[in-house]
PDB file of N, CA and C in Angstrom:
ATOM      1  N   UNK A   1      19.466  22.463  24.370  1.00  0.00           N
ATOM      2  CA  UNK A   1      18.872  21.621  24.461  1.00  0.00           C
ATOM      3  C   UNK A   1      20.269  20.926  25.789  1.00  0.00           C
ATOM      4  N   UNK A   2      18.794  20.298  26.541  1.00  0.00           N
ATOM      5  CA  UNK A   2      19.948  19.754  27.436  1.00  0.00           C
ATOM      6  C   UNK A   2      19.868  18.519  27.617  1.00  0.00           C
ATOM      7  N   UNK A   3      20.903  18.134  28.049  1.00  0.00           N
ATOM      8  CA  UNK A   3      22.219  16.663  28.218  1.00  0.00           C
ATOM      9  C   UNK A   3      20.769  15.891  27.884  1.00  0.00           C
ATOM     10  N   UNK A   4      20.620  15.171  28.038  1.00  0.00           N
ATOM     11  CA  UNK A   4      19.335  14.241  28.441  1.00  0.00           C
ATOM     12  C   UNK A   4      18.765  13.953  26.270  1.00  0.00           C
ATOM     13  N   UNK A   5      18.412  14.819  25.933  1.00  0.00           N
ATOM     14  CA  UNK A   5      17.754  15.425  24.740  1.00  0.00           C
ATOM     15  C   UNK A   5      19.664  15.616  23.641  1.00  0.00           C
ATOM     16  N   UNK A   6      20.183  15.931  24.473  1.00  0.00           N
ATOM     17  CA  UNK A   6      21.845  15.756  22.948  1.00  0.00           C
ATOM     18  C   UNK A   6      22.424  14.232  23.280  1.00  0.00           C
ATOM     19  N   UNK A   7      22.033  13.648  24.341  1.00  0.00           N
ATOM     20  CA  UNK A   7      23.006  12.152  24.386  1.00  0.00           C
ATOM     21  C   UNK A   7      21.264  11.499  23.545  1.00  0.00           C
ATOM     22  N   UNK A   8      20.812  11.968  23.527  1.00  0.00           N
ATOM     23  CA  UNK A   8      19.512  10.319  22.732  1.00  0.00           C
ATOM     24  C   UNK A   8      19.938  10.491  20.803  1.00  0.00           C
ATOM     25  N   UNK A   9      20.046  12.822  20.405  1.00  0.00           N
ATOM     26  CA  UNK A   9      20.360  12.489  19.693  1.00  0.00           C
ATOM     27  C   UNK A   9      21.465  11.875  18.605  1.00  0.00           C
ATOM     28  N   UNK A  10      22.664  12.432  19.913  1.00  0.00           N
ATOM     29  CA  UNK A  10      23.752  11.835  18.948  1.00  0.00           C
ATOM     30  C   UNK A  10      24.253   9.920  19.445  1.00  0.00           C
ATOM     31  N   UNK A  11      23.196   8.867  19.531  1.00  0.00           N
ATOM     32  CA  UNK A  11      22.776   8.278  20.436  1.00  0.00           C
ATOM     33  C   UNK A  11      21.834   7.609  18.136  1.00  0.00           C
ATOM     34  N   UNK A  12      20.750   8.269  18.486  1.00  0.00           N
ATOM     35  CA  UNK A  12      20.544   8.140  17.316  1.00  0.00           C
ATOM     36  C   UNK A  12      20.767   8.455  15.420  1.00  0.00           C
ATOM     37  N   UNK A  13      22.327   9.589  16.037  1.00  0.00           N
ATOM     38  CA  UNK A  13      22.761  10.587  14.472  1.00  0.00           C
ATOM     39  C   UNK A  13      23.969   9.087  14.525  1.00  0.00           C
ATOM     40  N   UNK A  14      24.674   8.502  15.595  1.00  0.00           N
ATOM     41  CA  UNK A  14      25.132   6.795  15.070  1.00  0.00           C
ATOM     42  C   UNK A  14      25.061   6.076  14.731  1.00  0.00           C
ATOM     43  N   UNK A  15      23.190   5.765  15.153  1.00  0.00           N
ATOM     44  CA  UNK A  15      22.652   4.411  14.865  1.00  0.00           C
ATOM     45  C   UNK A  15      23.250   4.960  13.271  1.00  0.00           C
ATOM     46  N   UNK A  16      22.407   6.627  12.563  1.00  0.00           N
ATOM     47  CA  UNK A  16      22.185   6.266  11.422  1.00  0.00           C
ATOM     48  C   UNK A  16      24.127   6.276  11.143  1.00  0.00           C
ATOM     49  N   UNK A  17      24.640   6.431  10.181  1.00  0.00           N
ATOM     50  CA  UNK A  17      25.862   6.564  10.861  1.00  0.00           C
ATOM     51  C   UNK A  17      26.209   4.683  10.454  1.00  0.00           C
ATOM     52  N   UNK A  18      25.686   4.322  11.257  1.00  0.00           N
ATOM     53  CA  UNK A  18      25.958   2.998  11.344  1.00  0.00           C
ATOM     54  C   UNK A  18      24.938   2.168  10.467  1.00  0.00           C
ATOM     55  N   UNK A  19      23.881   2.750   9.924  1.00  0.00           N
ATOM     56  CA  UNK A  19      22.995   1.805   8.910  1.00  0.00           C
ATOM     57  C   UNK A  19      22.656   2.980   6.972  1.00  0.00           C
ATOM     58  N   UNK A  20      24.028   3.955   7.875  1.00  0.00           N
ATOM     59  CA  UNK A  20      24.242   4.673   6.184  1.00  0.00           C
ATOM     60  C   UNK A  20      25.176   3.708   6.378  1.00  0.00           C
ATOM     61  N   UNK A  21      26.103   2.662   6.220  1.00  0.00           N
ATOM     62  CA  UNK A  21      27.658   2.777   5.905  1.00  0.00           C
ATOM     63  C   UNK A  21      27.509   0.877   5.640  1.00  0.00           C
ATOM     64  N   UNK A  22      25.823   0.454   6.572  1.00  0.00           N
ATOM     65  CA  UNK A  22      26.039   0.021   6.149  1.00  0.00           C
ATOM     66  C   UNK A  22      25.449  -1.104   5.543  1.00  0.00           C
ATOM     67  N   UNK A  23      24.773   0.152   4.606  1.00  0.00           N
ATOM     68  CA  UNK A  23      24.011   0.323   2.746  1.00  0.00           C
ATOM     69  C   UNK A  23      24.640   0.756   1.766  1.00  0.00           C
ATOM     70  N   UNK A  24      26.456   1.320   2.501  1.00  0.00           N
ATOM     71  CA  UNK A  24      27.306   1.663   1.824  1.00  0.00           C
ATOM     72  C   UNK A  24      28.099   1.021   1.478  1.00  0.00           C
ATOM     73  N   UNK A  25      27.975  -0.789   1.550  1.00  0.00           N
ATOM     74  CA  UNK A  25      29.078  -2.090   1.360  1.00  0.00           C
ATOM     75  C   UNK A  25      30.418  -1.325   0.241  1.00  0.00           C
ATOM     76  N   UNK A  26      29.266  -0.300  -0.319  1.00  0.00           N
ATOM     77  CA  UNK A  26      30.671  -0.330  -1.221  1.00  0.00           C
ATOM     78  C   UNK A  26      32.165   0.374  -1.433  1.00  0.00           C
ATOM     79  N   UNK A  27      32.041   1.139   0.188  1.00  0.00           N
ATOM     80  CA  UNK A  27      32.899   2.056   0.104  1.00  0.00           C
ATOM     81  C   UNK A  27      33.842   1.188   1.231  1.00  0.00           C
ATOM     82  N   UNK A  28      34.897   0.804   0.471  1.00  0.00           N
ATOM     83  CA  UNK A  28      36.025   0.079   1.470  1.00  0.00           C
ATOM     84  C   UNK A  28      36.868   1.030   2.651  1.00  0.00           C
ATOM     85  N   UNK A  29      36.692  -0.166   3.456  1.00  0.00           N
ATOM     86  CA  UNK A  29      37.612   0.927   5.124  1.00  0.00           C
ATOM     87  C   UNK A  29      39.361   1.966   4.578  1.00  0.00           C
ATOM     88  N   UNK A  30      40.265   1.179   3.740  1.00  0.00           N
ATOM     89  CA  UNK A  30      40.840   1.727   3.377  1.00  0.00           C
ATOM     90  C   UNK A  30      40.843   3.397   3.073  1.00  0.00           C
ATOM     91  N   UNK A  31      39.665   3.069   1.874  1.00  0.00           N
ATOM     92  CA  UNK A  31      38.625   4.953   0.809  1.00  0.00           C
ATOM     93  C   UNK A  31      37.940   5.859   2.851  1.00  0.00           C
ATOM     94  N   UNK A  32      37.275   5.296   3.624  1.00  0.00           N
ATOM     95  CA  UNK A  32      36.734   5.918   4.648  1.00  0.00           C
ATOM     96  C   UNK A  32      38.297   6.410   5.448  1.00  0.00           C
ATOM     97  N   UNK A  33      39.581   5.083   5.530  1.00  0.00           N
ATOM     98  CA  UNK A  33      41.476   5.921   6.187  1.00  0.00           C
ATOM     99  C   UNK A  33      41.443   6.813   5.102  1.00  0.00           C
ATOM    100  N   UNK A  34      42.121   7.489   3.674  1.00  0.00           N
ATOM    101  CA  UNK A  34      42.276   7.849   3.273  1.00  0.00           C
ATOM    102  C   UNK A  34      41.495   8.913   3.424  1.00  0.00           C
ATOM    103  N   UNK A  35      40.121   8.902   3.304  1.00  0.00           N
ATOM    104  CA  UNK A  35      38.937  10.728   2.418  1.00  0.00           C
ATOM    105  C   UNK A  35      39.095  11.115   4.472  1.00  0.00           C
ATOM    106  N   UNK A  36      38.001  10.251   5.525  1.00  0.00           N
ATOM    107  CA  UNK A  36      38.093  10.711   6.716  1.00  0.00           C
ATOM    108  C   UNK A  36      39.225  10.403   8.679  1.00  0.00           C
ATOM    109  N   UNK A  37      39.811   9.674   8.200  1.00  0.00           N
ATOM    110  CA  UNK A  37      40.528   9.461   9.011  1.00  0.00           C
ATOM    111  C   UNK A  37      40.099   8.635  10.043  1.00  0.00           C
ATOM    112  N   UNK A  38      39.196   7.907   9.233  1.00  0.00           N
ATOM    113  CA  UNK A  38      38.191   6.856  10.432  1.00  0.00           C
ATOM    114  C   UNK A  38      37.968   6.054   9.726  1.00  0.00           C
ATOM    115  N   UNK A  39      37.422   4.309   9.819  1.00  0.00           N
ATOM    116  CA  UNK A  39      36.866   3.497   9.334  1.00  0.00           C
ATOM    117  C   UNK A  39      36.262   3.453   9.825  1.00  0.00           C
ATOM    118  N   UNK A  40      35.714   1.134   9.888  1.00  0.00           N
ATOM    119  CA  UNK A  40      34.313   0.290  10.443  1.00  0.00           C
ATOM    120  C   UNK A  40      34.875  -0.150  11.510  1.00  0.00           C
ATOM    121  N   UNK A  41      36.271  -0.060  11.293  1.00  0.00           N
ATOM    122  CA  UNK A  41      37.624  -0.505  12.647  1.00  0.00           C
ATOM    123  C   UNK A  41      37.497   0.441  13.351  1.00  0.00           C
ATOM    124  N   UNK A  42      37.901   1.630  13.383  1.00  0.00           N
ATOM    125  CA  UNK A  42      38.021   2.575  14.209  1.00  0.00           C
ATOM    126  C   UNK A  42      36.354   2.668  14.964  1.00  0.00           C
ATOM    127  N   UNK A  43      34.942   3.494  13.931  1.00  0.00           N
ATOM    128  CA  UNK A  43      34.236   2.943  15.069  1.00  0.00           C
ATOM    129  C   UNK A  43      34.398   2.213  15.852  1.00  0.00           C
ATOM    130  N   UNK A  44      34.252   0.412  15.790  1.00  0.00           N
ATOM    131  CA  UNK A  44      34.219  -0.647  16.519  1.00  0.00           C
ATOM    132  C   UNK A  44      35.155  -0.461  17.939  1.00  0.00           C
ATOM    133  N   UNK A  45      36.730   0.519  17.595  1.00  0.00           N
ATOM    134  CA  UNK A  45      37.562   0.236  18.487  1.00  0.00           C
ATOM    135  C   UNK A  45      36.688   1.501  19.617  1.00  0.00           C
ATOM    136  N   UNK A  46      36.225   1.849  18.582  1.00  0.00           N
ATOM    137  CA  UNK A  46      35.520   2.435  19.773  1.00  0.00           C
ATOM    138  C   UNK A  46      35.167   3.208  20.711  1.00  0.00           C
ATOM    139  N   UNK A  47      33.573   1.963  20.233  1.00  0.00           N
ATOM    140  CA  UNK A  47      32.397   1.490  20.402  1.00  0.00           C
ATOM    141  C   UNK A  47      32.504   1.278  22.154  1.00  0.00           C
ATOM    142  N   UNK A  48      33.472  -0.041  21.709  1.00  0.00           N
ATOM    143  CA  UNK A  48      34.297  -1.020  22.490  1.00  0.00           C
ATOM    144  C   UNK A  48      34.694  -0.136  23.621  1.00  0.00           C
ATOM    145  N   UNK A  49      35.651   0.345  23.119  1.00  0.00           N
ATOM    146  CA  UNK A  49      36.052   1.739  24.598  1.00  0.00           C
ATOM    147  C   UNK A  49      34.978   2.053  25.411  1.00  0.00           C
ATOM    148  N   UNK A  50      34.253   2.633  24.626  1.00  0.00           N
ATOM    149  CA  UNK A  50      32.917   3.327  25.271  1.00  0.00           C
ATOM    150  C   UNK A  50      32.630   2.627  25.648  1.00  0.00           C
ATOM    151  N   UNK A  51      32.040   0.467  25.474  1.00  0.00           N
ATOM    152  CA  UNK A  51      31.427  -0.210  26.696  1.00  0.00           C
ATOM    153  C   UNK A  51      32.472   0.152  28.058  1.00  0.00           C
ATOM    154  N   UNK A  52      33.733   0.300  27.542  1.00  0.00           N
ATOM    155  CA  UNK A  52      34.545  -0.683  28.631  1.00  0.00           C
ATOM    156  C   UNK A  52      34.417   0.075  29.559  1.00  0.00           C
ATOM    157  N   UNK A  53      34.327   1.466  29.552  1.00  0.00           N
ATOM    158  CA  UNK A  53      34.171   2.601  30.405  1.00  0.00           C
ATOM    159  C   UNK A  53      32.716   2.942  31.067  1.00  0.00           C
ATOM    160  N   UNK A  54      31.548   1.895  30.511  1.00  0.00           N
ATOM    161  CA  UNK A  54      30.426   2.316  31.148  1.00  0.00           C
ATOM    162  C   UNK A  54      29.929   1.051  31.868  1.00  0.00           C
ATOM    163  N   UNK A  55      31.607   0.437  32.444  1.00  0.00           N
ATOM    164  CA  UNK A  55      31.472  -1.575  32.237  1.00  0.00           C
ATOM    165  C   UNK A  55      30.808  -2.687  32.370  1.00  0.00           C
ATOM    166  N   UNK A  56      30.501  -2.437  30.282  1.00  0.00           N
ATOM    167  CA  UNK A  56      30.166  -3.468  29.740  1.00  0.00           C
ATOM    168  C   UNK A  56      31.231  -4.577  28.999  1.00  0.00           C
ATOM    169  N   UNK A  57      31.855  -5.427  29.076  1.00  0.00           N
ATOM    170  CA  UNK A  57      32.624  -6.231  28.591  1.00  0.00           C
ATOM    171  C   UNK A  57      32.019  -7.097  27.251  1.00  0.00           C
ATOM    172  N   UNK A  58      33.405  -6.896  26.801  1.00  0.00           N
ATOM    173  CA  UNK A  58      32.144  -6.126  24.788  1.00  0.00           C
ATOM    174  C   UNK A  58      33.676  -7.270  24.572  1.00  0.00           C
ATOM    175  N   UNK A  59      33.336  -7.807  23.673  1.00  0.00           N
ATOM    176  CA  UNK A  59      34.794  -8.253  22.839  1.00  0.00           C
ATOM    177  C   UNK A  59      34.649  -6.915  21.925  1.00  0.00           C
ATOM    178  N   UNK A  60      36.129  -7.328  20.913  1.00  0.00           N
ATOM    179  CA  UNK A  60      36.693  -7.012  19.988  1.00  0.00           C
ATOM    180  C   UNK A  60      35.485  -7.438  18.981  1.00  0.00           C
ATOM    181  N   UNK A  61      35.704  -8.761  18.591  1.00  0.00           N
ATOM    182  CA  UNK A  61      34.369  -9.538  17.295  1.00  0.00           C
ATOM    183  C   UNK A  61      32.680  -9.353  17.380  1.00  0.00           C
ATOM    184  N   UNK A  62      32.505  -9.139  18.912  1.00  0.00           N
ATOM    185  CA  UNK A  62      31.128  -8.523  19.309  1.00  0.00           C
ATOM    186  C   UNK A  62      31.009  -6.797  18.888  1.00  0.00           C
ATOM    187  N   UNK A  63      32.566  -6.239  18.619  1.00  0.00           N
ATOM    188  CA  UNK A  63      32.412  -4.959  19.128  1.00  0.00           C
ATOM    189  C   UNK A  63      31.799  -4.581  17.271  1.00  0.00           C
ATOM    190  N   UNK A  64      32.643  -5.281  16.324  1.00  0.00           N
ATOM    191  CA  UNK A  64      32.677  -5.257  15.178  1.00  0.00           C
ATOM    192  C   UNK A  64      31.280  -5.929  14.493  1.00  0.00           C
ATOM    193  N   UNK A  65      30.961  -6.905  14.892  1.00  0.00           N
ATOM    194  CA  UNK A  65      30.052  -7.498  14.610  1.00  0.00           C
ATOM    195  C   UNK A  65      28.470  -6.368  15.177  1.00  0.00           C
ATOM    196  N   UNK A  66      28.882  -5.105  16.197  1.00  0.00           N
ATOM    197  CA  UNK A  66      27.803  -4.043  16.366  1.00  0.00           C
ATOM    198  C   UNK A  66      28.592  -3.296  14.477  1.00  0.00           C
ATOM    199  N   UNK A  67      29.374  -2.684  14.383  1.00  0.00           N
ATOM    200  CA  UNK A  67      29.528  -2.145  13.676  1.00  0.00           C
ATOM    201  C   UNK A  67      29.134  -2.322  11.986  1.00  0.00           C
ATOM    202  N   UNK A  68      29.667  -3.983  11.141  1.00  0.00           N
ATOM    203  CA  UNK A  68      29.382  -4.277  10.157  1.00  0.00           C
ATOM    204  C   UNK A  68      28.117  -5.106  10.060  1.00  0.00           C
ATOM    205  N   UNK A  69      26.970  -5.242  11.197  1.00  0.00           N
ATOM    206  CA  UNK A  69      25.759  -5.539  10.982  1.00  0.00           C
ATOM    207  C   UNK A  69      26.126  -7.409  10.602  1.00  0.00           C
ATOM    208  N   UNK A  70      27.456  -7.951  11.085  1.00  0.00           N
ATOM    209  CA  UNK A  70      27.871  -9.401  10.961  1.00  0.00           C
ATOM    210  C   UNK A  70      28.888  -9.568  10.777  1.00  0.00           C
ATOM    211  N   UNK A  71      29.869 -10.868  10.932  1.00  0.00           N
ATOM    212  CA  UNK A  71      31.013 -10.552  12.194  1.00  0.00           C
ATOM    213  C   UNK A  71      32.095  -9.612  10.584  1.00  0.00           C
ATOM    214  N   UNK A  72      32.897  -9.555  11.005  1.00  0.00           N
ATOM    215  CA  UNK A  72      34.208  -9.429  10.340  1.00  0.00           C
ATOM    216  C   UNK A  72      34.730  -9.720   9.788  1.00  0.00           C
ATOM    217  N   UNK A  73      35.255 -10.889   9.535  1.00  0.00           N
ATOM    218  CA  UNK A  73      35.931 -12.174   8.623  1.00  0.00           C
ATOM    219  C   UNK A  73      33.824 -12.922   7.010  1.00  0.00           C
ATOM    220  N   UNK A  74      33.202 -12.506   8.595  1.00  0.00           N
ATOM    221  CA  UNK A  74      32.115 -12.427   7.225  1.00  0.00           C
ATOM    222  C   UNK A  74      32.547 -11.326   6.061  1.00  0.00           C
ATOM    223  N   UNK A  75      32.230 -10.170   5.763  1.00  0.00           N
ATOM    224  CA  UNK A  75      31.874  -8.765   6.111  1.00  0.00           C
ATOM    225  C   UNK A  75      33.229  -9.043   5.190  1.00  0.00           C
ATOM    226  N   UNK A  76      34.553  -9.212   5.320  1.00  0.00           N
ATOM    227  CA  UNK A  76      36.007  -9.489   4.488  1.00  0.00           C
ATOM    228  C   UNK A  76      35.519  -9.658   3.765  1.00  0.00           C
ATOM    229  N   UNK A  77      34.663 -11.460   3.375  1.00  0.00           N
ATOM    230  CA  UNK A  77      34.255 -12.442   2.669  1.00  0.00           C
ATOM    231  C   UNK A  77      34.283 -11.950   1.782  1.00  0.00           C
ATOM    232  N   UNK A  78      32.292 -11.520   1.869  1.00  0.00           N
ATOM    233  CA  UNK A  78      31.687 -11.070   0.351  1.00  0.00           C
ATOM    234  C   UNK A  78      31.428  -8.921   0.290  1.00  0.00           C
ATOM    235  N   UNK A  79      32.550  -8.027   0.635  1.00  0.00           N
ATOM    236  CA  UNK A  79      32.593  -7.204   0.999  1.00  0.00           C
ATOM    237  C   UNK A  79      34.532  -6.631   0.204  1.00  0.00           C
ATOM    238  N   UNK A  80      34.859  -6.485   1.172  1.00  0.00           N
ATOM    239  CA  UNK A  80      36.167  -6.685   1.291  1.00  0.00           C
ATOM    240  C   UNK A  80      36.751  -6.455  -0.422  1.00  0.00           C
ATOM    241  N   UNK A  81      37.548  -5.762  -0.970  1.00  0.00           N
ATOM    242  CA  UNK A  81      38.379  -5.773  -2.127  1.00  0.00           C
ATOM    243  C   UNK A  81      39.986  -6.068  -2.403  1.00  0.00           C
TER     244      UNK A  81
END
């Protein structure tokens, strides 16, 4: 697989992970952290860090919104137990 195709596949897999987590709001961040060693907040931090490396300025709340599909505060109010 060439590098460009590999990057496209990785991007699609990441999009699928975000979609899956969006559909599984019943899975709490603490559950993810305990079982997998990362959570939605980790993903948002990684997203932000990689954007910054590419010269994109993105705030922490904006990065979280990309991962959660809504503001973090809204997600906590609706889904955090």
